[in-house]
Every structure is written in C-alpha cells, then in structure tokens.
Amino acid sequence: MTAKTPFEVELSGLMVEVLNLEIAPEEIAPEAPLYGEGLGLDSIDMLEISLAIGKRYGVDLRADDEDSRMVFASLRSLARHVDEHRPK
C-alpha cells in the first residue's frame, strides 16, 4: 500500500467525521474504491462528502459532472481533484 499524502490524511479524517464511519481515517487506503467493494459508500454518502468539501475547501463537486465517477473513484483521486481546484 502506498503512503498517504498529508492532504489525503486530512481528507480521510473529514470523511470519517462527516459520515460517522466506524473506522479510523488511517484505515482508508488511498487507492481503494470509495464505492461498493472498497469503502462501501453510496450516493448519499458522496453527497454528504461533497457538501463538506464545498464548505471546508471551497470546491464545488457536482453529481451531474461527467468527471464525478473518476473524481470519487478513490481517496487519492478525490484528494487530487480537491487540491487542484481549491482556492489557493
């Protein structure tokens, strides 16, 4: 397993907090799928994460965006997208 970046650690903590997950943030593998067989999140979970990311980082994540499936593919892809699009 590859090591998480500091931002991936921060984002996994936000996900655990927002969704009240019963796992520690460090247990979320950066490349594991967020949907289904990976972390097991559903579309409602993704909406909650999107709202929290928008509030905390100022990045608007939209479900109707054609790239949303790739953005939410893993913690690593989500962190990369948020980091690239948040106001600096």
PDB file of N, CA and C in Angstrom:
ATOM      1  N   MET A   1       0.849  -1.188   0.000  1.00  0.00           N
ATOM      2  CA  MET A   1       0.000   0.000   0.000  1.00  0.00           C
ATOM      3  C   MET A   1       0.891   1.247   0.000  1.00  0.00           C
ATOM      4  N   THR A   2       0.537   2.196  -0.828  1.00  0.00           N
ATOM      5  CA  THR A   2       1.315   3.423  -0.884  1.00  0.00           C
ATOM      6  C   THR A   2       0.926   4.341   0.263  1.00  0.00           C
ATOM      7  N   ALA A   3       1.872   5.134   0.688  1.00  0.00           N
ATOM      8  CA  ALA A   3       1.636   6.057   1.797  1.00  0.00           C
ATOM      9  C   ALA A   3       0.717   7.188   1.354  1.00  0.00           C
ATOM     10  N   LYS A   4      -0.054   7.684   2.301  1.00  0.00           N
ATOM     11  CA  LYS A   4      -0.947   8.805   2.015  1.00  0.00           C
ATOM     12  C   LYS A   4      -0.186  10.114   2.107  1.00  0.00           C
ATOM     13  N   THR A   5      -0.609  11.059   1.279  1.00  0.00           N
ATOM     14  CA  THR A   5      -0.082  12.414   1.382  1.00  0.00           C
ATOM     15  C   THR A   5      -0.728  13.073   2.602  1.00  0.00           C
ATOM     16  N   PRO A   6      -0.149  14.160   3.104  1.00  0.00           N
ATOM     17  CA  PRO A   6      -0.783  14.861   4.234  1.00  0.00           C
ATOM     18  C   PRO A   6      -2.224  15.292   3.927  1.00  0.00           C
ATOM     19  N   PHE A   7      -2.482  15.704   2.682  1.00  0.00           N
ATOM     20  CA  PHE A   7      -3.844  16.121   2.343  1.00  0.00           C
ATOM     21  C   PHE A   7      -4.792  14.925   2.300  1.00  0.00           C
ATOM     22  N   GLU A   8      -4.327  13.772   1.858  1.00  0.00           N
ATOM     23  CA  GLU A   8      -5.163  12.564   1.872  1.00  0.00           C
ATOM     24  C   GLU A   8      -5.517  12.172   3.296  1.00  0.00           C
ATOM     25  N   VAL A   9      -4.574  12.316   4.214  1.00  0.00           N
ATOM     26  CA  VAL A   9      -4.833  12.035   5.631  1.00  0.00           C
ATOM     27  C   VAL A   9      -5.912  12.990   6.150  1.00  0.00           C
ATOM     28  N   GLU A  10      -5.777  14.270   5.822  1.00  0.00           N
ATOM     29  CA  GLU A  10      -6.757  15.280   6.251  1.00  0.00           C
ATOM     30  C   GLU A  10      -8.138  14.969   5.677  1.00  0.00           C
ATOM     31  N   LEU A  11      -8.189  14.639   4.399  1.00  0.00           N
ATOM     32  CA  LEU A  11      -9.459  14.364   3.741  1.00  0.00           C
ATOM     33  C   LEU A  11     -10.105  13.073   4.272  1.00  0.00           C
ATOM     34  N   SER A  12      -9.316  12.059   4.555  1.00  0.00           N
ATOM     35  CA  SER A  12      -9.886  10.826   5.116  1.00  0.00           C
ATOM     36  C   SER A  12     -10.458  11.100   6.506  1.00  0.00           C
ATOM     37  N   GLY A  13      -9.826  11.985   7.265  1.00  0.00           N
ATOM     38  CA  GLY A  13     -10.362  12.382   8.566  1.00  0.00           C
ATOM     39  C   GLY A  13     -11.701  13.081   8.431  1.00  0.00           C
ATOM     40  N   LEU A  14     -11.814  13.955   7.430  1.00  0.00           N
ATOM     41  CA  LEU A  14     -13.078  14.644   7.173  1.00  0.00           C
ATOM     42  C   LEU A  14     -14.170  13.636   6.808  1.00  0.00           C
ATOM     43  N   MET A  15     -13.834  12.660   5.976  1.00  0.00           N
ATOM     44  CA  MET A  15     -14.814  11.654   5.566  1.00  0.00           C
ATOM     45  C   MET A  15     -15.312  10.842   6.763  1.00  0.00           C
ATOM     46  N   VAL A  16     -14.408  10.423   7.626  1.00  0.00           N
ATOM     47  CA  VAL A  16     -14.784   9.645   8.812  1.00  0.00           C
ATOM     48  C   VAL A  16     -15.680  10.487   9.723  1.00  0.00           C
ATOM     49  N   GLU A  17     -15.327  11.756   9.883  1.00  0.00           N
ATOM     50  CA  GLU A  17     -16.098  12.665  10.739  1.00  0.00           C
ATOM     51  C   GLU A  17     -17.493  12.913  10.180  1.00  0.00           C
ATOM     52  N   VAL A  18     -17.580  13.268   8.908  1.00  0.00           N
ATOM     53  CA  VAL A  18     -18.856  13.619   8.285  1.00  0.00           C
ATOM     54  C   VAL A  18     -19.802  12.425   8.204  1.00  0.00           C
ATOM     55  N   LEU A  19     -19.261  11.261   7.894  1.00  0.00           N
ATOM     56  CA  LEU A  19     -20.098  10.073   7.692  1.00  0.00           C
ATOM     57  C   LEU A  19     -20.222   9.199   8.940  1.00  0.00           C
ATOM     58  N   ASN A  20     -19.568   9.619  10.023  1.00  0.00           N
ATOM     59  CA  ASN A  20     -19.568   8.822  11.251  1.00  0.00           C
ATOM     60  C   ASN A  20     -19.167   7.370  10.982  1.00  0.00           C
ATOM     61  N   LEU A  21     -18.113   7.210  10.192  1.00  0.00           N
ATOM     62  CA  LEU A  21     -17.633   5.866   9.857  1.00  0.00           C
ATOM     63  C   LEU A  21     -17.033   5.213  11.095  1.00  0.00           C
ATOM     64  N   GLU A  22     -17.172   3.917  11.174  1.00  0.00           N
ATOM     65  CA  GLU A  22     -16.665   3.183  12.330  1.00  0.00           C
ATOM     66  C   GLU A  22     -15.274   2.624  12.056  1.00  0.00           C
ATOM     67  N   ILE A  23     -14.483   3.395  11.316  1.00  0.00           N
ATOM     68  CA  ILE A  23     -13.087   3.044  11.063  1.00  0.00           C
ATOM     69  C   ILE A  23     -12.237   4.273  11.314  1.00  0.00           C
ATOM     70  N   ALA A  24     -10.971   4.051  11.522  1.00  0.00           N
ATOM     71  CA  ALA A  24     -10.047   5.166  11.717  1.00  0.00           C
ATOM     72  C   ALA A  24      -9.659   5.732  10.348  1.00  0.00           C
ATOM     73  N   PRO A  25      -9.406   7.030  10.266  1.00  0.00           N
ATOM     74  CA  PRO A  25      -9.025   7.634   8.983  1.00  0.00           C
ATOM     75  C   PRO A  25      -7.835   6.935   8.326  1.00  0.00           C
ATOM     76  N   GLU A  26      -6.887   6.467   9.134  1.00  0.00           N
ATOM     77  CA  GLU A  26      -5.704   5.816   8.563  1.00  0.00           C
ATOM     78  C   GLU A  26      -6.010   4.459   7.938  1.00  0.00           C
ATOM     79  N   GLU A  27      -7.213   3.927   8.200  1.00  0.00           N
ATOM     80  CA  GLU A  27      -7.601   2.644   7.608  1.00  0.00           C
ATOM     81  C   GLU A  27      -8.130   2.788   6.179  1.00  0.00           C
ATOM     82  N   ILE A  28      -8.367   4.016   5.737  1.00  0.00           N
ATOM     83  CA  ILE A  28      -8.853   4.230   4.375  1.00  0.00           C
ATOM     84  C   ILE A  28      -7.654   4.223   3.430  1.00  0.00           C
ATOM     85  N   ALA A  29      -7.575   3.188   2.615  1.00  0.00           N
ATOM     86  CA  ALA A  29      -6.460   3.062   1.666  1.00  0.00           C
ATOM     87  C   ALA A  29      -6.623   4.098   0.558  1.00  0.00           C
ATOM     88  N   PRO A  30      -5.540   4.780   0.186  1.00  0.00           N
ATOM     89  CA  PRO A  30      -5.649   5.860  -0.789  1.00  0.00           C
ATOM     90  C   PRO A  30      -6.133   5.430  -2.173  1.00  0.00           C
ATOM     91  N   GLU A  31      -5.849   4.189  -2.565  1.00  0.00           N
ATOM     92  CA  GLU A  31      -6.231   3.722  -3.900  1.00  0.00           C
ATOM     93  C   GLU A  31      -7.487   2.846  -3.907  1.00  0.00           C
ATOM     94  N   ALA A  32      -8.022   2.513  -2.733  1.00  0.00           N
ATOM     95  CA  ALA A  32      -9.208   1.643  -2.662  1.00  0.00           C
ATOM     96  C   ALA A  32     -10.436   2.392  -3.180  1.00  0.00           C
ATOM     97  N   PRO A  33     -11.327   1.682  -3.859  1.00  0.00           N
ATOM     98  CA  PRO A  33     -12.557   2.322  -4.343  1.00  0.00           C
ATOM     99  C   PRO A  33     -13.381   2.863  -3.177  1.00  0.00           C
ATOM    100  N   LEU A  34     -14.005   4.012  -3.374  1.00  0.00           N
ATOM    101  CA  LEU A  34     -14.886   4.568  -2.347  1.00  0.00           C
ATOM    102  C   LEU A  34     -16.265   3.922  -2.430  1.00  0.00           C
ATOM    103  N   TYR A  35     -16.701   3.616  -3.647  1.00  0.00           N
ATOM    104  CA  TYR A  35     -17.999   2.966  -3.860  1.00  0.00           C
ATOM    105  C   TYR A  35     -17.892   1.468  -3.669  1.00  0.00           C
ATOM    106  N   GLY A  36     -19.014   0.835  -3.377  1.00  0.00           N
ATOM    107  CA  GLY A  36     -19.129  -0.617  -3.424  1.00  0.00           C
ATOM    108  C   GLY A  36     -18.116  -1.395  -2.618  1.00  0.00           C
ATOM    109  N   GLU A  37     -17.371  -2.265  -3.300  1.00  0.00           N
ATOM    110  CA  GLU A  37     -16.491  -3.216  -2.620  1.00  0.00           C
ATOM    111  C   GLU A  37     -15.345  -2.586  -1.853  1.00  0.00           C
ATOM    112  N   GLY A  38     -15.031  -1.358  -2.103  1.00  0.00           N
ATOM    113  CA  GLY A  38     -13.956  -0.701  -1.360  1.00  0.00           C
ATOM    114  C   GLY A  38     -14.449  -0.244   0.003  1.00  0.00           C
ATOM    115  N   LEU A  39     -14.644   1.052   0.141  1.00  0.00           N
ATOM    116  CA  LEU A  39     -15.111   1.623   1.401  1.00  0.00           C
ATOM    117  C   LEU A  39     -16.612   1.391   1.596  1.00  0.00           C
ATOM    118  N   GLY A  40     -17.310   1.105   0.516  1.00  0.00           N
ATOM    119  CA  GLY A  40     -18.728   0.768   0.606  1.00  0.00           C
ATOM    120  C   GLY A  40     -19.663   1.962   0.704  1.00  0.00           C
ATOM    121  N   LEU A  41     -19.244   3.106   0.212  1.00  0.00           N
ATOM    122  CA  LEU A  41     -20.083   4.296   0.278  1.00  0.00           C
ATOM    123  C   LEU A  41     -21.138   4.277  -0.824  1.00  0.00           C
ATOM    124  N   ASP A  42     -22.222   5.014  -0.587  1.00  0.00           N
ATOM    125  CA  ASP A  42     -23.269   5.117  -1.596  1.00  0.00           C
ATOM    126  C   ASP A  42     -23.423   6.570  -2.038  1.00  0.00           C
ATOM    127  N   SER A  43     -24.405   6.830  -2.892  1.00  0.00           N
ATOM    128  CA  SER A  43     -24.559   8.170  -3.455  1.00  0.00           C
ATOM    129  C   SER A  43     -24.906   9.210  -2.390  1.00  0.00           C
ATOM    130  N   ILE A  44     -25.630   8.834  -1.359  1.00  0.00           N
ATOM    131  CA  ILE A  44     -25.951   9.773  -0.269  1.00  0.00           C
ATOM    132  C   ILE A  44     -24.666  10.142   0.478  1.00  0.00           C
ATOM    133  N   ASP A  45     -23.808   9.154   0.718  1.00  0.00           N
ATOM    134  CA  ASP A  45     -22.520   9.429   1.368  1.00  0.00           C
ATOM    135  C   ASP A  45     -21.702  10.404   0.524  1.00  0.00           C
ATOM    136  N   MET A  46     -21.704  10.191  -0.789  1.00  0.00           N
ATOM    137  CA  MET A  46     -20.936  11.068  -1.680  1.00  0.00           C
ATOM    138  C   MET A  46     -21.475  12.492  -1.645  1.00  0.00           C
ATOM    139  N   LEU A  47     -22.791  12.625  -1.553  1.00  0.00           N
ATOM    140  CA  LEU A  47     -23.401  13.948  -1.451  1.00  0.00           C
ATOM    141  C   LEU A  47     -22.950  14.634  -0.165  1.00  0.00           C
ATOM    142  N   GLU A  48     -22.964  13.904   0.943  1.00  0.00           N
ATOM    143  CA  GLU A  48     -22.523  14.481   2.223  1.00  0.00           C
ATOM    144  C   GLU A  48     -21.051  14.894   2.168  1.00  0.00           C
ATOM    145  N   ILE A  49     -20.224  14.047   1.556  1.00  0.00           N
ATOM    146  CA  ILE A  49     -18.799  14.386   1.405  1.00  0.00           C
ATOM    147  C   ILE A  49     -18.649  15.624   0.531  1.00  0.00           C
ATOM    148  N   SER A  50     -19.405  15.689  -0.554  1.00  0.00           N
ATOM    149  CA  SER A  50     -19.340  16.842  -1.461  1.00  0.00           C
ATOM    150  C   SER A  50     -19.684  18.141  -0.742  1.00  0.00           C
ATOM    151  N   LEU A  51     -20.735  18.098   0.070  1.00  0.00           N
ATOM    152  CA  LEU A  51     -21.147  19.295   0.818  1.00  0.00           C
ATOM    153  C   LEU A  51     -20.071  19.715   1.817  1.00  0.00           C
ATOM    154  N   ALA A  52     -19.495  18.749   2.511  1.00  0.00           N
ATOM    155  CA  ALA A  52     -18.449  19.049   3.494  1.00  0.00           C
ATOM    156  C   ALA A  52     -17.202  19.609   2.813  1.00  0.00           C
ATOM    157  N   ILE A  53     -16.844  19.059   1.668  1.00  0.00           N
ATOM    158  CA  ILE A  53     -15.677  19.555   0.920  1.00  0.00           C
ATOM    159  C   ILE A  53     -15.944  20.969   0.426  1.00  0.00           C
ATOM    160  N   GLY A  54     -17.158  21.211  -0.061  1.00  0.00           N
ATOM    161  CA  GLY A  54     -17.506  22.556  -0.513  1.00  0.00           C
ATOM    162  C   GLY A  54     -17.406  23.576   0.607  1.00  0.00           C
ATOM    163  N   LYS A  55     -17.901  23.193   1.786  1.00  0.00           N
ATOM    164  CA  LYS A  55     -17.879  24.089   2.935  1.00  0.00           C
ATOM    165  C   LYS A  55     -16.450  24.335   3.424  1.00  0.00           C
ATOM    166  N   ARG A  56     -15.663  23.272   3.528  1.00  0.00           N
ATOM    167  CA  ARG A  56     -14.322  23.396   4.091  1.00  0.00           C
ATOM    168  C   ARG A  56     -13.286  23.920   3.104  1.00  0.00           C
ATOM    169  N   TYR A  57     -13.359  23.474   1.855  1.00  0.00           N
ATOM    170  CA  TYR A  57     -12.293  23.790   0.888  1.00  0.00           C
ATOM    171  C   TYR A  57     -12.728  24.705  -0.254  1.00  0.00           C
ATOM    172  N   GLY A  58     -14.018  25.034  -0.334  1.00  0.00           N
ATOM    173  CA  GLY A  58     -14.484  25.924  -1.385  1.00  0.00           C
ATOM    174  C   GLY A  58     -14.470  25.306  -2.774  1.00  0.00           C
ATOM    175  N   VAL A  59     -14.594  23.981  -2.831  1.00  0.00           N
ATOM    176  CA  VAL A  59     -14.608  23.277  -4.115  1.00  0.00           C
ATOM    177  C   VAL A  59     -16.004  22.706  -4.336  1.00  0.00           C
ATOM    178  N   ASP A  60     -16.614  23.074  -5.454  1.00  0.00           N
ATOM    179  CA  ASP A  60     -17.962  22.627  -5.780  1.00  0.00           C
ATOM    180  C   ASP A  60     -17.886  21.300  -6.521  1.00  0.00           C
ATOM    181  N   LEU A  61     -18.333  20.230  -5.875  1.00  0.00           N
ATOM    182  CA  LEU A  61     -18.371  18.905  -6.505  1.00  0.00           C
ATOM    183  C   LEU A  61     -19.812  18.617  -6.880  1.00  0.00           C
ATOM    184  N   ARG A  62     -20.053  18.367  -8.153  1.00  0.00           N
ATOM    185  CA  ARG A  62     -21.416  18.175  -8.634  1.00  0.00           C
ATOM    186  C   ARG A  62     -21.623  16.749  -9.128  1.00  0.00           C
ATOM    187  N   ALA A  63     -22.747  16.171  -8.746  1.00  0.00           N
ATOM    188  CA  ALA A  63     -23.063  14.802  -9.155  1.00  0.00           C
ATOM    189  C   ALA A  63     -23.270  14.692 -10.664  1.00  0.00           C
ATOM    190  N   ASP A  64     -23.757  15.769 -11.281  1.00  0.00           N
ATOM    191  CA  ASP A  64     -24.024  15.719 -12.719  1.00  0.00           C
ATOM    192  C   ASP A  64     -22.787  16.036 -13.563  1.00  0.00           C
ATOM    193  N   ASP A  65     -21.659  16.248 -12.910  1.00  0.00           N
ATOM    194  CA  ASP A  65     -20.399  16.470 -13.629  1.00  0.00           C
ATOM    195  C   ASP A  65     -19.959  15.150 -14.250  1.00  0.00           C
ATOM    196  N   GLU A  66     -19.609  15.190 -15.517  1.00  0.00           N
ATOM    197  CA  GLU A  66     -19.230  13.948 -16.205  1.00  0.00           C
ATOM    198  C   GLU A  66     -17.975  13.301 -15.616  1.00  0.00           C
ATOM    199  N   ASP A  67     -17.163  14.060 -14.903  1.00  0.00           N
ATOM    200  CA  ASP A  67     -15.953  13.520 -14.296  1.00  0.00           C
ATOM    201  C   ASP A  67     -16.167  13.004 -12.870  1.00  0.00           C
ATOM    202  N   SER A  68     -17.379  13.105 -12.345  1.00  0.00           N
ATOM    203  CA  SER A  68     -17.591  12.776 -10.925  1.00  0.00           C
ATOM    204  C   SER A  68     -17.243  11.327 -10.595  1.00  0.00           C
ATOM    205  N   ARG A  69     -17.480  10.396 -11.515  1.00  0.00           N
ATOM    206  CA  ARG A  69     -17.143   8.997 -11.232  1.00  0.00           C
ATOM    207  C   ARG A  69     -15.638   8.833 -11.063  1.00  0.00           C
ATOM    208  N   MET A  70     -14.860   9.529 -11.882  1.00  0.00           N
ATOM    209  CA  MET A  70     -13.402   9.455 -11.753  1.00  0.00           C
ATOM    210  C   MET A  70     -12.933  10.190 -10.506  1.00  0.00           C
ATOM    211  N   VAL A  71     -13.542  11.320 -10.197  1.00  0.00           N
ATOM    212  CA  VAL A  71     -13.162  12.101  -9.016  1.00  0.00           C
ATOM    213  C   VAL A  71     -13.382  11.275  -7.750  1.00  0.00           C
ATOM    214  N   PHE A  72     -14.506  10.589  -7.672  1.00  0.00           N
ATOM    215  CA  PHE A  72     -14.853   9.805  -6.483  1.00  0.00           C
ATOM    216  C   PHE A  72     -14.390   8.345  -6.563  1.00  0.00           C
ATOM    217  N   ALA A  73     -13.504   8.034  -7.489  1.00  0.00           N
ATOM    218  CA  ALA A  73     -13.037   6.652  -7.641  1.00  0.00           C
ATOM    219  C   ALA A  73     -12.291   6.174  -6.402  1.00  0.00           C
ATOM    220  N   SER A  74     -11.490   7.049  -5.808  1.00  0.00           N
ATOM    221  CA  SER A  74     -10.687   6.670  -4.632  1.00  0.00           C
ATOM    222  C   SER A  74     -10.381   7.920  -3.813  1.00  0.00           C
ATOM    223  N   LEU A  75      -9.872   7.705  -2.627  1.00  0.00           N
ATOM    224  CA  LEU A  75      -9.439   8.830  -1.792  1.00  0.00           C
ATOM    225  C   LEU A  75      -8.380   9.640  -2.528  1.00  0.00           C
ATOM    226  N   ARG A  76      -7.460   8.958  -3.184  1.00  0.00           N
ATOM    227  CA  ARG A  76      -6.370   9.637  -3.887  1.00  0.00           C
ATOM    228  C   ARG A  76      -6.899  10.516  -5.018  1.00  0.00           C
ATOM    229  N   SER A  77      -7.832  10.007  -5.819  1.00  0.00           N
ATOM    230  CA  SER A  77      -8.370  10.810  -6.930  1.00  0.00           C
ATOM    231  C   SER A  77      -9.199  11.982  -6.402  1.00  0.00           C
ATOM    232  N   LEU A  78      -9.935  11.769  -5.325  1.00  0.00           N
ATOM    233  CA  LEU A  78     -10.719  12.847  -4.720  1.00  0.00           C
ATOM    234  C   LEU A  78      -9.796  13.928  -4.162  1.00  0.00           C
ATOM    235  N   ALA A  79      -8.771  13.512  -3.437  1.00  0.00           N
ATOM    236  CA  ALA A  79      -7.826  14.478  -2.862  1.00  0.00           C
ATOM    237  C   ALA A  79      -7.120  15.272  -3.948  1.00  0.00           C
ATOM    238  N   ARG A  80      -6.724  14.602  -5.006  1.00  0.00           N
ATOM    239  CA  ARG A  80      -6.038  15.281  -6.118  1.00  0.00           C
ATOM    240  C   ARG A  80      -6.952  16.335  -6.737  1.00  0.00           C
ATOM    241  N   HIS A  81      -8.220  15.963  -6.980  1.00  0.00           N
ATOM    242  CA  HIS A  81      -9.177  16.889  -7.590  1.00  0.00           C
ATOM    243  C   HIS A  81      -9.425  18.106  -6.688  1.00  0.00           C
ATOM    244  N   VAL A  82      -9.669  17.850  -5.410  1.00  0.00           N
ATOM    245  CA  VAL A  82      -9.945  18.953  -4.475  1.00  0.00           C
ATOM    246  C   VAL A  82      -8.733  19.868  -4.373  1.00  0.00           C
ATOM    247  N   ASP A  83      -7.559  19.287  -4.262  1.00  0.00           N
ATOM    248  CA  ASP A  83      -6.335  20.080  -4.140  1.00  0.00           C
ATOM    249  C   ASP A  83      -6.089  20.949  -5.373  1.00  0.00           C
ATOM    250  N   GLU A  84      -6.405  20.415  -6.551  1.00  0.00           N
ATOM    251  CA  GLU A  84      -6.191  21.169  -7.794  1.00  0.00           C
ATOM    252  C   GLU A  84      -7.210  22.282  -7.967  1.00  0.00           C
ATOM    253  N   HIS A  85      -8.394  22.139  -7.391  1.00  0.00           N
ATOM    254  CA  HIS A  85      -9.476  23.109  -7.637  1.00  0.00           C
ATOM    255  C   HIS A  85      -9.792  24.044  -6.464  1.00  0.00           C
ATOM    256  N   ARG A  86      -9.164  23.833  -5.331  1.00  0.00           N
ATOM    257  CA  ARG A  86      -9.487  24.724  -4.209  1.00  0.00           C
ATOM    258  C   ARG A  86      -8.748  26.050  -4.376  1.00  0.00           C
ATOM    259  N   PRO A  87      -9.363  27.115  -3.875  1.00  0.00           N
ATOM    260  CA  PRO A  87      -8.711  28.429  -3.946  1.00  0.00           C
ATOM    261  C   PRO A  87      -7.395  28.402  -3.181  1.00  0.00           C
ATOM    262  N   LYS A  88      -6.366  28.962  -3.772  1.00  0.00           N
ATOM    263  CA  LYS A  88      -5.046  28.970  -3.124  1.00  0.00           C
ATOM    264  C   LYS A  88      -4.836  30.252  -2.355  1.00  0.00           C
TER     265      LYS A  88
END
